[in-house]
C-alpha atoms as a PDB file:
ATOM      1  CA  MET A   1       0.044   0.076  -0.129  1.00  0.00           C
ATOM      2  CA  PRO A   2       1.381   3.430  -0.933  1.00  0.00           C
ATOM      3  CA  ASN A   3       2.388   5.918   1.689  1.00  0.00           C
ATOM      4  CA  ILE A   4      -0.423   8.478   2.486  1.00  0.00           C
ATOM      5  CA  GLN A   5       0.691  11.968   1.584  1.00  0.00           C
ATOM      6  CA  ARG A   6       1.265  14.733   4.273  1.00  0.00           C
ATOM      7  CA  ASP A   7      -1.706  16.905   2.777  1.00  0.00           C
ATOM      8  CA  THR A   8      -4.145  14.103   3.132  1.00  0.00           C
ATOM      9  CA  LEU A   9      -3.456  13.828   6.783  1.00  0.00           C
ATOM     10  CA  ARG A  10      -3.784  17.519   7.360  1.00  0.00           C
ATOM     11  CA  GLY A  11      -7.034  18.139   9.416  1.00  0.00           C
ATOM     12  CA  HIS A  12      -7.059  14.355  10.619  1.00  0.00           C
ATOM     13  CA  LEU A  13      -3.638  14.122  12.519  1.00  0.00           C
ATOM     14  CA  GLU A  14      -5.162  15.511  15.815  1.00  0.00           C
ATOM     15  CA  SER A  15      -7.996  12.558  15.579  1.00  0.00           C
ATOM     16  CA  LEU A  16      -5.439  10.029  14.881  1.00  0.00           C
ATOM     17  CA  VAL A  17      -3.338  11.011  17.855  1.00  0.00           C
ATOM     18  CA  LEU A  18      -6.092  11.192  20.033  1.00  0.00           C
ATOM     19  CA  ALA A  19      -7.385   7.728  19.005  1.00  0.00           C
ATOM     20  CA  VAL A  20      -3.984   5.948  19.719  1.00  0.00           C
ATOM     21  CA  LEU A  21      -3.901   7.700  23.070  1.00  0.00           C
ATOM     22  CA  GLU A  22      -7.132   6.339  23.935  1.00  0.00           C
ATOM     23  CA  ARG A  23      -5.360   3.063  24.017  1.00  0.00           C
ATOM     24  CA  GLY A  24      -3.248   4.468  26.983  1.00  0.00           C
ATOM     25  CA  PRO A  25      -0.492   6.861  27.824  1.00  0.00           C
ATOM     26  CA  ALA A  26       2.582   6.874  25.444  1.00  0.00           C
ATOM     27  CA  HIS A  27       5.706   8.991  24.461  1.00  0.00           C
ATOM     28  CA  GLY A  28       5.884  10.586  20.991  1.00  0.00           C
ATOM     29  CA  LEU A  29       7.970   7.716  19.575  1.00  0.00           C
ATOM     30  CA  GLU A  30       5.438   5.254  20.887  1.00  0.00           C
ATOM     31  CA  VAL A  31       2.550   7.282  19.277  1.00  0.00           C
ATOM     32  CA  ILE A  32       4.487   7.223  16.209  1.00  0.00           C
ATOM     33  CA  ARG A  33       4.923   3.585  16.222  1.00  0.00           C
ATOM     34  CA  ARG A  34       1.254   2.855  17.278  1.00  0.00           C
ATOM     35  CA  LEU A  35      -0.052   4.953  14.324  1.00  0.00           C
ATOM     36  CA  ASP A  36       2.441   3.191  11.968  1.00  0.00           C
ATOM     37  CA  ALA A  37       1.276  -0.387  13.184  1.00  0.00           C
ATOM     38  CA  ALA A  38      -2.571   0.768  12.984  1.00  0.00           C
ATOM     39  CA  GLY A  39      -1.975   2.191   9.432  1.00  0.00           C
ATOM     40  CA  ASP A  40       0.032  -0.837   8.208  1.00  0.00           C
ATOM     41  CA  GLY A  41       2.960   1.578   7.571  1.00  0.00           C
ATOM     42  CA  SER A  42       1.273   3.806   5.097  1.00  0.00           C
ATOM     43  CA  LEU A  43       1.100   6.930   7.266  1.00  0.00           C
ATOM     44  CA  ALA A  44       5.126   7.367   7.500  1.00  0.00           C
ATOM     45  CA  LEU A  45       4.658  10.192  10.145  1.00  0.00           C
ATOM     46  CA  LYS A  46       7.649  11.945  10.935  1.00  0.00           C
ATOM     47  CA  GLU A  47       8.644  13.365  14.508  1.00  0.00           C
ATOM     48  CA  GLY A  48       8.573  16.877  13.084  1.00  0.00           C
ATOM     49  CA  THR A  49       5.050  16.539  12.230  1.00  0.00           C
ATOM     50  CA  LEU A  50       3.893  14.920  15.528  1.00  0.00           C
ATOM     51  CA  TYR A  51       5.816  16.733  17.947  1.00  0.00           C
ATOM     52  CA  PRO A  52       4.315  20.041  17.180  1.00  0.00           C
ATOM     53  CA  ALA A  53       1.065  18.791  17.166  1.00  0.00           C
ATOM     54  CA  LEU A  54       1.309  17.360  20.514  1.00  0.00           C
ATOM     55  CA  TYR A  55       2.294  20.613  21.876  1.00  0.00           C
ATOM     56  CA  ARG A  56      -0.617  22.201  20.268  1.00  0.00           C
ATOM     57  CA  MET A  57      -3.008  19.663  21.846  1.00  0.00           C
ATOM     58  CA  GLU A  58      -1.130  20.024  25.243  1.00  0.00           C
ATOM     59  CA  ALA A  59      -1.857  23.680  25.004  1.00  0.00           C
ATOM     60  CA  SER A  60      -5.351  23.304  24.117  1.00  0.00           C
ATOM     61  CA  GLY A  61      -6.065  20.924  26.881  1.00  0.00           C
ATOM     62  CA  LEU A  62      -6.774  17.994  24.811  1.00  0.00           C
ATOM     63  CA  VAL A  63      -3.724  16.028  26.380  1.00  0.00           C
ATOM     64  CA  GLU A  64      -1.546  16.355  29.362  1.00  0.00           C
ATOM     65  CA  ALA A  65       2.009  15.676  29.691  1.00  0.00           C
ATOM     66  CA  GLN A  66       4.506  14.636  32.282  1.00  0.00           C
ATOM     67  CA  TRP A  67       8.325  13.607  32.349  1.00  0.00           C
ATOM     68  CA  GLU A  68       8.632  10.166  33.042  1.00  0.00           C
ATOM     69  CA  ASP A  69      10.438   9.091  36.261  1.00  0.00           C
ATOM     70  CA  THR A  70      14.016   8.159  35.906  1.00  0.00           C
ATOM     71  CA  THR A  71      14.638   4.298  35.616  1.00  0.00           C
ATOM     72  CA  PRO A  72      17.775   2.854  36.856  1.00  0.00           C
ATOM     73  CA  GLY A  73      19.681   1.324  34.219  1.00  0.00           C
ATOM     74  CA  ARG A  74      17.684   3.123  31.249  1.00  0.00           C
ATOM     75  CA  ARG A  75      19.773   5.122  29.216  1.00  0.00           C
ATOM     76  CA  GLY A  76      18.814   8.082  26.844  1.00  0.00           C
ATOM     77  CA  PRO A  77      16.969  11.446  27.686  1.00  0.00           C
ATOM     78  CA  ARG A  78      13.902  11.381  29.892  1.00  0.00           C
ATOM     79  CA  ARG A  79      10.743  11.230  27.839  1.00  0.00           C
ATOM     80  CA  ARG A  80       7.488  13.131  28.071  1.00  0.00           C
ATOM     81  CA  ILE A  81       4.522  10.694  28.410  1.00  0.00           C
ATOM     82  CA  TYR A  82       1.176  12.096  26.977  1.00  0.00           C
ATOM     83  CA  ARG A  83      -2.197  11.250  28.369  1.00  0.00           C
ATOM     84  CA  LEU A  84      -5.754  11.823  26.925  1.00  0.00           C
ATOM     85  CA  THR A  85      -7.777  14.445  29.178  1.00  0.00           C
ATOM     86  CA  SER A  86     -11.516  14.462  29.271  1.00  0.00           C
ATOM     87  CA  LYS A  87     -11.723  17.189  26.810  1.00  0.00           C
ATOM     88  CA  GLY A  88      -9.503  15.141  24.415  1.00  0.00           C
ATOM     89  CA  LYS A  89     -12.007  12.160  24.835  1.00  0.00           C
ATOM     90  CA  ARG A  90     -14.867  14.430  23.846  1.00  0.00           C
ATOM     91  CA  GLN A  91     -12.890  15.754  20.986  1.00  0.00           C
ATOM     92  CA  LEU A  92     -12.128  12.297  19.910  1.00  0.00           C
ATOM     93  CA  VAL A  93     -15.773  11.562  19.608  1.00  0.00           C
ATOM     94  CA  ARG A  94     -16.500  14.749  17.647  1.00  0.00           C
ATOM     95  CA  GLY A  95     -13.646  13.994  15.351  1.00  0.00           C
ATOM     96  CA  ARG A  96     -14.900  10.374  14.612  1.00  0.00           C
ATOM     97  CA  GLU A  97     -18.324  11.910  13.981  1.00  0.00           C
ATOM     98  CA  GLU A  98     -16.865  14.494  11.530  1.00  0.00           C
ATOM     99  CA  PHE A  99     -14.765  11.892   9.934  1.00  0.00           C
ATOM    100  CA  ILE A 100     -17.566   9.647   9.168  1.00  0.00           C
ATOM    101  CA  GLN A 101     -19.381  12.474   7.490  1.00  0.00           C
ATOM    102  CA  PHE A 102     -16.449  13.616   5.471  1.00  0.00           C
ATOM    103  CA  VAL A 103     -15.940   9.992   4.295  1.00  0.00           C
ATOM    104  CA  GLN A 104     -19.619   9.708   3.465  1.00  0.00           C
ATOM    105  CA  VAL A 105     -19.800  13.074   1.468  1.00  0.00           C
ATOM    106  CA  ILE A 106     -16.362  12.603  -0.390  1.00  0.00           C
ATOM    107  CA  GLY A 107     -17.012   9.144  -0.946  1.00  0.00           C
ATOM    108  CA  GLY A 108     -20.453  10.092  -2.608  1.00  0.00           C
ATOM    109  CA  ILE A 109     -18.584  12.743  -4.514  1.00  0.00           C
ATOM    110  CA  LEU A 110     -16.130  10.199  -5.894  1.00  0.00           C
ATOM    111  CA  GLY A 111     -18.717   7.391  -6.421  1.00  0.00           C
ATOM    112  CA  ALA A 112     -16.261   5.537  -3.680  1.00  0.00           C
ATOM    113  CA  THR A 113     -18.965   4.939  -1.083  1.00  0.00           C
ATOM    114  CA  PRO A 114     -18.754   1.421   0.513  1.00  0.00           C
END
């Protein structure tokens, strides 16, 4: 399956991130891994796209983040762990509804409705 182009993701990235955080808290690279696995490798999302989105989502109260506790023996920098907030859960419900409507409208226009 070909990679989905960045422009196609525009407007949906926030909902995608909220959906993978619904499964549980995660640091940024784990969010990318979850999206990659769920999209069968077709998203090819880069850190430079994800992190600004996470920062915006944190600023708007959709997610909250905390620095992870230091773990003895773990190497590398500390990571920020992102969690869905109540506001983020409500936004995810709206995002899903909007996407269903989007698929119906665009699918109808393109003659690709399931």
